[in-house]
Amino acid sequence: MPPLMTGASPLPTLPRVRERASASPDRAALKDHLRALALIEGFDAFGIADPDAAAAAGPRLRQWVAEGNHGDMGWMAETLDRRADARTLWSEVRTIVMLGLNYGPDEDPRAALAQRTGGVISVYARGEDYHELIKAKLKRIARALLAKAGTGDVKVFVDTAPLMEKPLAQAAGLGWQGKHTNLVSRARGSWLFLGAIATTLDLPVDAPEGDHCGHCRACLDACPTAAFPAPYRLDARRCISYLTIEHAGPIPRDLRPLMGNRIYGCDDCLAACPWNKFAQAGREMKLAARDENRAPALAELVALDDGAFRARFAKSPIKRTGRVRMVRNVLIAMGNSDQPGFLPQILPLLEDEAPLVRGAAVWALSRLMPAVEFARLAARRAPDPDDAVEAEWDAALP
């Protein structure tokens, strides 16, 4: 799934046109103009929602946070009030234009799960970072909208500040939030990046999309870590996307064997959705999967130092996770690989500067080394100054 965050990116450079032109286009004409602009920019879904349309999602979000389902994503709790009401972000907003960009894969993303020496990266992160690409498209559309309207103001939002894009997208008719909590489109399946243009212009809104999940529970049953306690409810603390991307500490030991070789995100619930039978491969070339990100060699990734990591993922959303968390994830994948040939790459990481890496290396070694050999290694080592790493040794030894 795209990251478990939602947000906004203000558009301070756009001109504010306060005076209303006497011959400004009518509301319907402006909407038609917007739709045409969206098509030109390559968007695949378009709709307009009232900013209050997501109000019903606010209480559900509060309950979700109150139950601790957000894990250690403290920013979810800190921005709760703003997420629950779009007008707290911008009191002057009158309508929100919701846009969807298809990023459908050209193959089943679960195919790489069988490649034990390679890692699996979520589809959304196999190409360039979608944030900047979509933001640029939204800016161009917003500028053209203001030029056409002769009045108004706008802000653009792309996944970086508190805006409830998925409920707003459903209100705008782009799709509905499925049982896996992500947006599902009847035309595009589960593969849509969302962007928003909030405006002071009063534009005609669209009818909301209904729920078409029915009795299906394919997405729930596909989750390798049972992260869905009920339909439409996600416990992020068990979600592989959260664990590999957002979670900064050691991954719970009971969940590690369930992760397989997923090293950045997880697409299992998205890929399992039957509505994907209508999905098509994305057309935006910058978002297309790079060959090196389809099933990257674990042995190469685990050897990256900080500089090599930043160079390897310079234009990727993966870069924000950082080298330490990525190597932690890779070590877990190695531990799940049943490939003792990885031992020479893992052993040096017992001396890594990052305790998180050292601890993951201990776990990986305990999975791949014969028990007697691992016990000898443990007996020869010096105590680790980090208690969490010591705990890894204690848990790994019989």
Protein backbone atom coordinates (compact mmCIF):
# COMPACT_ATOMS: atom_id res chain seq x y z
CA MET A 1 0.00 0.00 0.00
CA PRO A 2 1.08 3.56 -0.46
CA PRO A 3 2.52 4.92 2.81
CA LEU A 4 0.21 4.97 5.93
CA MET A 5 0.30 8.72 6.00
CA THR A 6 -1.84 11.46 4.55
CA GLY A 7 -0.99 15.08 4.11
CA ALA A 8 -0.74 18.34 2.36
CA SER A 9 1.70 20.44 0.47
CA PRO A 10 0.77 24.13 0.31
CA LEU A 11 1.08 26.02 -2.93
CA PRO A 12 2.46 29.43 -1.90
CA THR A 13 3.73 30.42 -5.34
CA LEU A 14 0.36 30.53 -7.06
CA PRO A 15 -1.15 33.98 -7.57
CA ARG A 16 -4.14 34.94 -5.48
CA VAL A 17 -6.78 36.46 -7.70
CA ARG A 18 -9.24 38.19 -5.42
CA GLU A 19 -11.24 40.31 -7.86
CA ARG A 20 -13.97 38.46 -9.74
CA ALA A 21 -13.85 39.01 -13.48
CA SER A 22 -17.17 40.15 -14.93
CA ALA A 23 -17.06 37.45 -17.63
CA SER A 24 -15.71 34.61 -15.47
CA PRO A 25 -16.78 31.10 -16.57
CA ASP A 26 -19.75 29.50 -14.84
CA ARG A 27 -19.23 26.71 -12.31
CA ALA A 28 -20.02 23.87 -14.70
CA ALA A 29 -17.66 25.26 -17.34
CA LEU A 30 -14.87 25.54 -14.77
CA LYS A 31 -15.40 21.94 -13.78
CA ASP A 32 -15.26 20.79 -17.40
CA HIS A 33 -12.08 22.80 -17.83
CA LEU A 34 -10.58 21.16 -14.75
CA ARG A 35 -11.46 17.70 -16.01
CA ALA A 36 -9.75 18.43 -19.33
CA LEU A 37 -6.65 19.71 -17.54
CA ALA A 38 -6.54 16.56 -15.43
CA LEU A 39 -6.64 14.37 -18.53
CA ILE A 40 -3.84 16.36 -20.13
CA GLU A 41 -1.69 15.83 -17.02
CA GLY A 42 -2.30 12.09 -17.18
CA PHE A 43 -4.69 11.65 -14.26
CA ASP A 44 -7.04 8.70 -14.54
CA ALA A 45 -9.74 9.70 -12.04
CA PHE A 46 -11.37 13.03 -11.29
CA GLY A 47 -14.07 14.27 -8.93
CA ILE A 48 -14.99 17.14 -6.63
CA ALA A 49 -16.05 16.91 -2.99
CA ASP A 50 -17.37 19.23 -0.34
CA PRO A 51 -14.70 19.71 2.38
CA ASP A 52 -17.23 18.54 4.98
CA ALA A 53 -17.81 15.26 3.13
CA ALA A 54 -15.18 13.41 5.18
CA ALA A 55 -16.62 14.52 8.53
CA ALA A 56 -18.05 11.08 9.29
CA ALA A 57 -14.56 9.59 9.12
CA GLY A 58 -13.37 11.79 12.00
CA PRO A 59 -14.94 9.77 14.86
CA ARG A 60 -13.69 6.52 13.35
CA LEU A 61 -10.17 7.95 13.17
CA ARG A 62 -10.35 9.07 16.79
CA GLN A 63 -11.42 5.61 17.89
CA TRP A 64 -8.66 4.03 15.80
CA VAL A 65 -6.03 6.19 17.49
CA ALA A 66 -7.56 5.71 20.94
CA GLU A 67 -7.16 1.95 20.51
CA GLY A 68 -3.46 2.40 19.71
CA ASN A 69 -3.75 1.07 16.18
CA HIS A 70 -1.44 3.82 14.89
CA GLY A 71 1.54 2.28 16.65
CA ASP A 72 4.38 4.74 17.14
CA MET A 73 3.17 7.10 14.40
CA GLY A 74 2.79 9.90 16.93
CA TRP A 75 2.00 12.42 14.24
CA MET A 76 -1.33 10.67 13.65
CA ALA A 77 -2.44 11.54 17.19
CA GLU A 78 -0.87 15.00 17.13
CA THR A 79 -2.77 16.02 13.99
CA LEU A 80 -6.02 14.28 14.87
CA ASP A 81 -8.15 17.43 15.11
CA ARG A 82 -6.90 18.75 11.79
CA ARG A 83 -7.44 15.42 10.04
CA ALA A 84 -11.01 15.21 11.26
CA ASP A 85 -11.97 18.54 9.66
CA ALA A 86 -10.46 19.81 6.41
CA ARG A 87 -11.50 23.36 7.32
CA THR A 88 -9.05 23.40 10.21
CA LEU A 89 -6.29 23.23 7.58
CA TRP A 90 -7.81 26.09 5.63
CA SER A 91 -10.95 27.83 6.81
CA GLU A 92 -11.66 29.44 3.42
CA VAL A 93 -11.85 26.21 1.43
CA ARG A 94 -15.15 25.64 -0.38
CA THR A 95 -14.48 22.60 -2.56
CA ILE A 96 -11.75 19.98 -2.91
CA VAL A 97 -10.78 18.56 -6.29
CA MET A 98 -9.67 14.94 -5.94
CA LEU A 99 -7.45 13.36 -8.60
CA GLY A 100 -6.23 9.81 -9.03
CA LEU A 101 -3.19 8.63 -10.98
CA ASN A 102 -3.03 4.96 -11.90
CA TYR A 103 0.20 3.20 -10.92
CA GLY A 104 -0.92 -0.34 -11.69
CA PRO A 105 1.94 -2.86 -11.99
CA ASP A 106 2.74 -4.69 -15.20
CA GLU A 107 2.95 -8.00 -13.31
CA ASP A 108 1.63 -9.58 -10.14
CA PRO A 109 3.75 -7.95 -7.42
CA ARG A 110 3.54 -11.13 -5.34
CA ALA A 111 5.61 -13.09 -7.86
CA ALA A 112 8.86 -11.87 -6.28
CA LEU A 113 7.90 -13.48 -2.95
CA ALA A 114 9.25 -16.77 -4.29
CA GLN A 115 12.74 -15.34 -4.97
CA ARG A 116 14.47 -16.05 -1.69
CA THR A 117 17.70 -14.25 -2.56
CA GLY A 118 15.83 -11.12 -3.64
CA GLY A 119 13.71 -8.63 -1.75
CA VAL A 120 10.18 -7.42 -2.45
CA ILE A 121 9.56 -3.68 -2.68
CA SER A 122 6.02 -2.33 -2.76
CA VAL A 123 4.83 -1.38 -6.24
CA TYR A 124 4.44 2.31 -5.40
CA ALA A 125 8.13 2.57 -4.48
CA ARG A 126 9.67 0.73 -7.42
CA GLY A 127 9.87 3.86 -9.56
CA GLU A 128 10.51 7.52 -8.79
CA ASP A 129 8.99 9.31 -5.82
CA TYR A 130 5.36 10.05 -6.65
CA HIS A 131 5.14 13.04 -4.29
CA GLU A 132 7.13 15.47 -6.41
CA LEU A 133 5.75 14.22 -9.71
CA ILE A 134 2.12 14.57 -8.66
CA LYS A 135 2.74 17.87 -6.90
CA ALA A 136 4.11 19.37 -10.11
CA LYS A 137 1.05 18.19 -12.03
CA LEU A 138 -1.30 19.65 -9.43
CA LYS A 139 0.47 23.00 -9.51
CA ARG A 140 0.08 23.24 -13.26
CA ILE A 141 -3.61 22.39 -13.06
CA ALA A 142 -4.17 24.84 -10.21
CA ARG A 143 -2.48 27.69 -12.05
CA ALA A 144 -4.57 27.04 -15.13
CA LEU A 145 -7.73 26.90 -13.00
CA LEU A 146 -7.07 30.31 -11.45
CA ALA A 147 -6.24 31.78 -14.83
CA LYS A 148 -9.52 30.49 -16.22
CA ALA A 149 -11.62 31.52 -13.22
CA GLY A 150 -10.13 34.99 -12.81
CA THR A 151 -10.63 34.72 -9.07
CA GLY A 152 -10.00 32.46 -6.09
CA ASP A 153 -7.17 30.77 -4.27
CA VAL A 154 -5.85 27.22 -4.09
CA LYS A 155 -3.63 24.82 -2.13
CA VAL A 156 -2.39 21.44 -3.30
CA PHE A 157 -2.07 18.33 -1.15
CA VAL A 158 0.06 15.23 -1.78
CA ASP A 159 0.42 12.89 1.17
CA THR A 160 2.52 15.10 3.45
CA ALA A 161 0.12 16.85 5.85
CA PRO A 162 -3.18 15.98 7.54
CA LEU A 163 -5.90 15.62 4.94
CA MET A 164 -8.15 12.57 4.77
CA GLU A 165 -7.67 11.91 1.08
CA LYS A 166 -9.35 8.50 0.93
CA PRO A 167 -12.70 9.54 2.47
CA LEU A 168 -12.65 12.67 0.30
CA ALA A 169 -11.87 10.60 -2.79
CA GLN A 170 -14.84 8.38 -2.01
CA ALA A 171 -17.02 11.46 -1.52
CA ALA A 172 -15.82 12.74 -4.92
CA GLY A 173 -16.77 9.47 -6.62
CA LEU A 174 -13.26 8.15 -7.37
CA GLY A 175 -13.83 4.88 -5.56
CA TRP A 176 -14.55 3.53 -2.10
CA GLN A 177 -12.49 2.51 0.91
CA GLY A 178 -12.38 -1.24 0.76
CA LYS A 179 -12.13 -3.69 3.60
CA HIS A 180 -8.34 -3.25 3.46
CA THR A 181 -8.95 0.49 4.18
CA ASN A 182 -7.41 1.57 0.87
CA LEU A 183 -9.27 3.13 -2.03
CA VAL A 184 -10.71 0.76 -4.62
CA SER A 185 -11.80 1.89 -8.07
CA ARG A 186 -14.14 -0.11 -10.29
CA ALA A 187 -12.00 0.97 -13.26
CA ARG A 188 -8.49 0.85 -11.72
CA GLY A 189 -8.65 -1.61 -8.86
CA SER A 190 -6.44 -0.77 -5.90
CA TRP A 191 -3.73 1.15 -7.74
CA LEU A 192 -4.38 4.89 -7.49
CA PHE A 193 -2.17 7.65 -6.16
CA LEU A 194 -4.29 10.48 -4.81
CA GLY A 195 -3.76 14.22 -5.06
CA ALA A 196 -6.00 17.08 -3.99
CA ILE A 197 -6.54 20.71 -4.95
CA ALA A 198 -8.39 22.67 -2.29
CA THR A 199 -9.91 25.89 -3.55
CA THR A 200 -12.00 28.84 -2.48
CA LEU A 201 -13.96 28.43 -5.72
CA ASP A 202 -17.46 27.03 -5.38
CA LEU A 203 -17.44 24.16 -7.88
CA PRO A 204 -20.14 21.51 -8.49
CA VAL A 205 -19.52 18.43 -6.37
CA ASP A 206 -19.87 14.83 -7.52
CA ALA A 207 -21.94 12.02 -6.07
CA PRO A 208 -20.07 9.72 -3.69
CA GLU A 209 -19.12 6.18 -4.71
CA GLY A 210 -20.88 3.33 -2.90
CA ASP A 211 -19.20 0.32 -1.33
CA HIS A 212 -18.84 -2.61 -3.75
CA CYS A 213 -16.92 -5.07 -1.57
CA GLY A 214 -19.97 -7.18 -0.83
CA HIS A 215 -19.19 -10.41 1.02
CA CYS A 216 -15.65 -10.63 -0.39
CA ARG A 217 -12.82 -10.85 2.11
CA ALA A 218 -9.93 -11.68 -0.24
CA CYS A 219 -7.83 -8.75 0.98
CA LEU A 220 -8.31 -9.67 4.64
CA ASP A 221 -7.40 -13.31 4.10
CA ALA A 222 -4.32 -12.37 2.05
CA CYS A 223 -2.63 -10.41 4.86
CA PRO A 224 0.44 -12.41 5.98
CA THR A 225 0.42 -10.92 9.51
CA ALA A 226 -3.36 -10.82 10.18
CA ALA A 227 -3.29 -7.04 10.46
CA PHE A 228 -7.05 -6.70 9.99
CA PRO A 229 -8.94 -7.44 13.22
CA ALA A 230 -12.18 -6.80 11.31
CA PRO A 231 -13.24 -5.58 7.85
CA TYR A 232 -12.41 -1.90 7.33
CA ARG A 233 -10.11 -1.89 10.37
CA LEU A 234 -6.31 -2.00 10.16
CA ASP A 235 -3.99 -2.55 13.10
CA ALA A 236 -0.88 -0.78 11.82
CA ARG A 237 1.21 -2.45 14.50
CA ARG A 238 0.91 -5.73 12.57
CA CYS A 239 1.04 -4.24 9.05
CA ILE A 240 4.23 -4.98 7.11
CA SER A 241 4.05 -1.59 5.40
CA TYR A 242 4.09 0.10 8.79
CA LEU A 243 6.74 -2.22 10.21
CA THR A 244 9.18 -1.83 7.31
CA ILE A 245 8.64 1.88 6.64
CA GLU A 246 7.29 3.78 9.65
CA HIS A 247 8.42 1.70 12.62
CA ALA A 248 11.80 2.87 13.87
CA GLY A 249 12.64 0.13 16.37
CA PRO A 250 13.14 -3.62 16.31
CA ILE A 251 10.31 -5.45 14.57
CA PRO A 252 8.43 -7.77 16.96
CA ARG A 253 9.97 -11.22 16.88
CA ASP A 254 6.70 -13.06 16.36
CA LEU A 255 6.03 -11.07 13.16
CA ARG A 256 9.47 -11.44 11.58
CA PRO A 257 8.97 -14.96 10.16
CA LEU A 258 5.68 -13.82 8.61
CA MET A 259 7.37 -11.05 6.62
CA GLY A 260 9.13 -13.36 4.20
CA ASN A 261 11.34 -11.29 1.89
CA ARG A 262 9.22 -8.12 1.99
CA ILE A 263 11.77 -5.39 2.62
CA TYR A 264 9.77 -2.23 1.91
CA GLY A 265 6.02 -2.20 2.18
CA CYS A 266 3.55 -4.93 1.26
CA ASP A 267 1.02 -5.21 -1.58
CA ASP A 268 -0.67 -8.48 -0.67
CA CYS A 269 -4.03 -7.01 0.34
CA LEU A 270 -4.06 -4.68 -2.66
CA ALA A 271 -3.06 -7.36 -5.15
CA ALA A 272 -5.69 -9.80 -3.85
CA CYS A 273 -8.62 -7.50 -4.65
CA PRO A 274 -10.88 -8.99 -7.39
CA TRP A 275 -11.53 -5.50 -8.77
CA ASN A 276 -7.97 -5.55 -10.09
CA LYS A 277 -9.29 -7.59 -13.02
CA PHE A 278 -10.17 -4.21 -14.54
CA ALA A 279 -6.81 -2.62 -13.66
CA GLN A 280 -4.27 -1.65 -16.30
CA ALA A 281 -0.57 -0.94 -16.05
CA GLY A 282 0.24 2.66 -15.22
CA ARG A 283 1.16 4.97 -18.09
CA GLU A 284 3.46 7.40 -16.23
CA MET A 285 6.96 6.26 -17.15
CA LYS A 286 8.63 7.91 -14.15
CA LEU A 287 6.50 5.77 -11.86
CA ALA A 288 7.22 2.55 -13.74
CA ALA A 289 9.22 -0.06 -11.88
CA ARG A 290 12.97 0.14 -12.34
CA ASP A 291 14.46 -3.24 -13.11
CA GLU A 292 16.79 -3.01 -10.10
CA ASN A 293 13.77 -2.59 -7.80
CA ARG A 294 11.72 -5.58 -8.99
CA ALA A 295 13.56 -8.16 -6.85
CA PRO A 296 16.82 -6.51 -5.71
CA ALA A 297 19.54 -8.84 -4.48
CA LEU A 298 19.55 -8.99 -0.69
CA ALA A 299 23.32 -9.50 -0.63
CA GLU A 300 23.83 -6.18 -2.42
CA LEU A 301 21.39 -4.19 -0.28
CA VAL A 302 22.72 -5.45 3.05
CA ALA A 303 26.19 -4.19 2.13
CA LEU A 304 25.12 -0.59 1.52
CA ASP A 305 26.66 2.09 3.70
CA ASP A 306 24.85 5.37 4.21
CA GLY A 307 26.32 7.09 1.16
CA ALA A 308 25.68 4.12 -1.11
CA PHE A 309 22.12 3.85 0.19
CA ARG A 310 21.38 7.50 -0.56
CA ALA A 311 22.87 7.18 -4.03
CA ARG A 312 20.99 3.93 -4.75
CA PHE A 313 17.60 5.39 -3.75
CA ALA A 314 18.18 9.06 -4.61
CA LYS A 315 14.90 9.56 -6.49
CA SER A 316 12.89 6.95 -4.63
CA PRO A 317 10.42 7.28 -1.72
CA ILE A 318 12.58 4.63 -0.05
CA LYS A 319 15.21 7.23 0.74
CA ARG A 320 13.19 8.68 3.61
CA THR A 321 13.32 5.36 5.48
CA GLY A 322 17.10 5.54 5.69
CA ARG A 323 19.83 2.95 5.46
CA VAL A 324 19.49 1.58 9.00
CA ARG A 325 15.83 0.58 8.70
CA MET A 326 16.35 -0.79 5.21
CA VAL A 327 19.26 -2.98 6.30
CA ARG A 328 17.17 -4.14 9.29
CA ASN A 329 14.46 -5.21 6.85
CA VAL A 330 16.95 -6.92 4.55
CA LEU A 331 18.44 -8.87 7.45
CA ILE A 332 14.99 -10.15 8.39
CA ALA A 333 14.45 -11.24 4.80
CA MET A 334 17.80 -13.02 4.90
CA GLY A 335 16.81 -14.75 8.12
CA ASN A 336 13.67 -16.00 6.38
CA SER A 337 15.51 -17.17 3.27
CA ASP A 338 16.85 -20.59 4.36
CA GLN A 339 20.03 -19.58 2.53
CA PRO A 340 23.17 -20.19 4.68
CA GLY A 341 25.16 -18.64 1.86
CA PHE A 342 24.19 -15.26 3.30
CA LEU A 343 26.23 -15.83 6.47
CA PRO A 344 29.42 -14.10 5.20
CA GLN A 345 27.38 -10.95 4.46
CA ILE A 346 25.60 -10.99 7.82
CA LEU A 347 28.48 -11.66 10.23
CA PRO A 348 30.26 -8.30 9.74
CA LEU A 349 27.04 -6.48 10.67
CA LEU A 350 27.39 -7.69 14.25
CA GLU A 351 29.85 -4.77 14.46
CA ASP A 352 27.62 -2.21 12.71
CA GLU A 353 27.38 1.24 14.30
CA ALA A 354 23.58 0.99 14.51
CA PRO A 355 22.15 -1.18 17.32
CA LEU A 356 19.07 -1.80 15.18
CA VAL A 357 21.26 -3.42 12.52
CA ARG A 358 23.29 -5.41 15.05
CA GLY A 359 20.13 -6.79 16.63
CA ALA A 360 18.63 -7.80 13.29
CA ALA A 361 21.94 -9.48 12.37
CA VAL A 362 21.76 -11.57 15.54
CA TRP A 363 18.28 -12.76 14.64
CA ALA A 364 19.24 -13.55 11.05
CA LEU A 365 22.28 -15.54 12.18
CA SER A 366 20.19 -17.49 14.68
CA ARG A 367 17.90 -18.53 11.82
CA LEU A 368 20.62 -19.55 9.36
CA MET A 369 23.43 -21.01 11.52
CA PRO A 370 23.32 -24.46 13.05
CA ALA A 371 22.36 -24.12 16.73
CA VAL A 372 25.72 -25.41 17.99
CA GLU A 373 27.67 -23.00 15.81
CA PHE A 374 25.46 -20.07 16.85
CA ALA A 375 25.98 -20.95 20.53
CA ARG A 376 29.76 -20.95 20.03
CA LEU A 377 29.55 -17.55 18.36
CA ALA A 378 27.52 -16.21 21.27
CA ALA A 379 30.00 -17.59 23.81
CA ARG A 380 32.94 -15.85 22.13
CA ARG A 381 31.35 -12.41 21.79
CA ALA A 382 31.82 -9.42 24.03
CA PRO A 383 28.67 -7.98 25.69
CA ASP A 384 26.89 -5.42 23.54
CA PRO A 385 26.52 -1.94 25.08
CA ASP A 386 22.92 -1.73 23.84
CA ASP A 387 20.34 -3.54 25.94
CA ALA A 388 18.09 -4.18 22.96
CA VAL A 389 20.87 -6.05 21.18
CA GLU A 390 21.59 -8.05 24.33
CA ALA A 391 17.92 -8.96 24.41
CA GLU A 392 18.21 -10.28 20.86
CA TRP A 393 21.05 -12.60 21.92
CA ASP A 394 19.12 -13.78 24.97
CA ALA A 395 16.01 -14.51 22.91
CA ALA A 396 17.98 -16.33 20.20
CA LEU A 397 19.80 -18.70 22.53
CA PRO A 398 18.02 -21.83 23.83
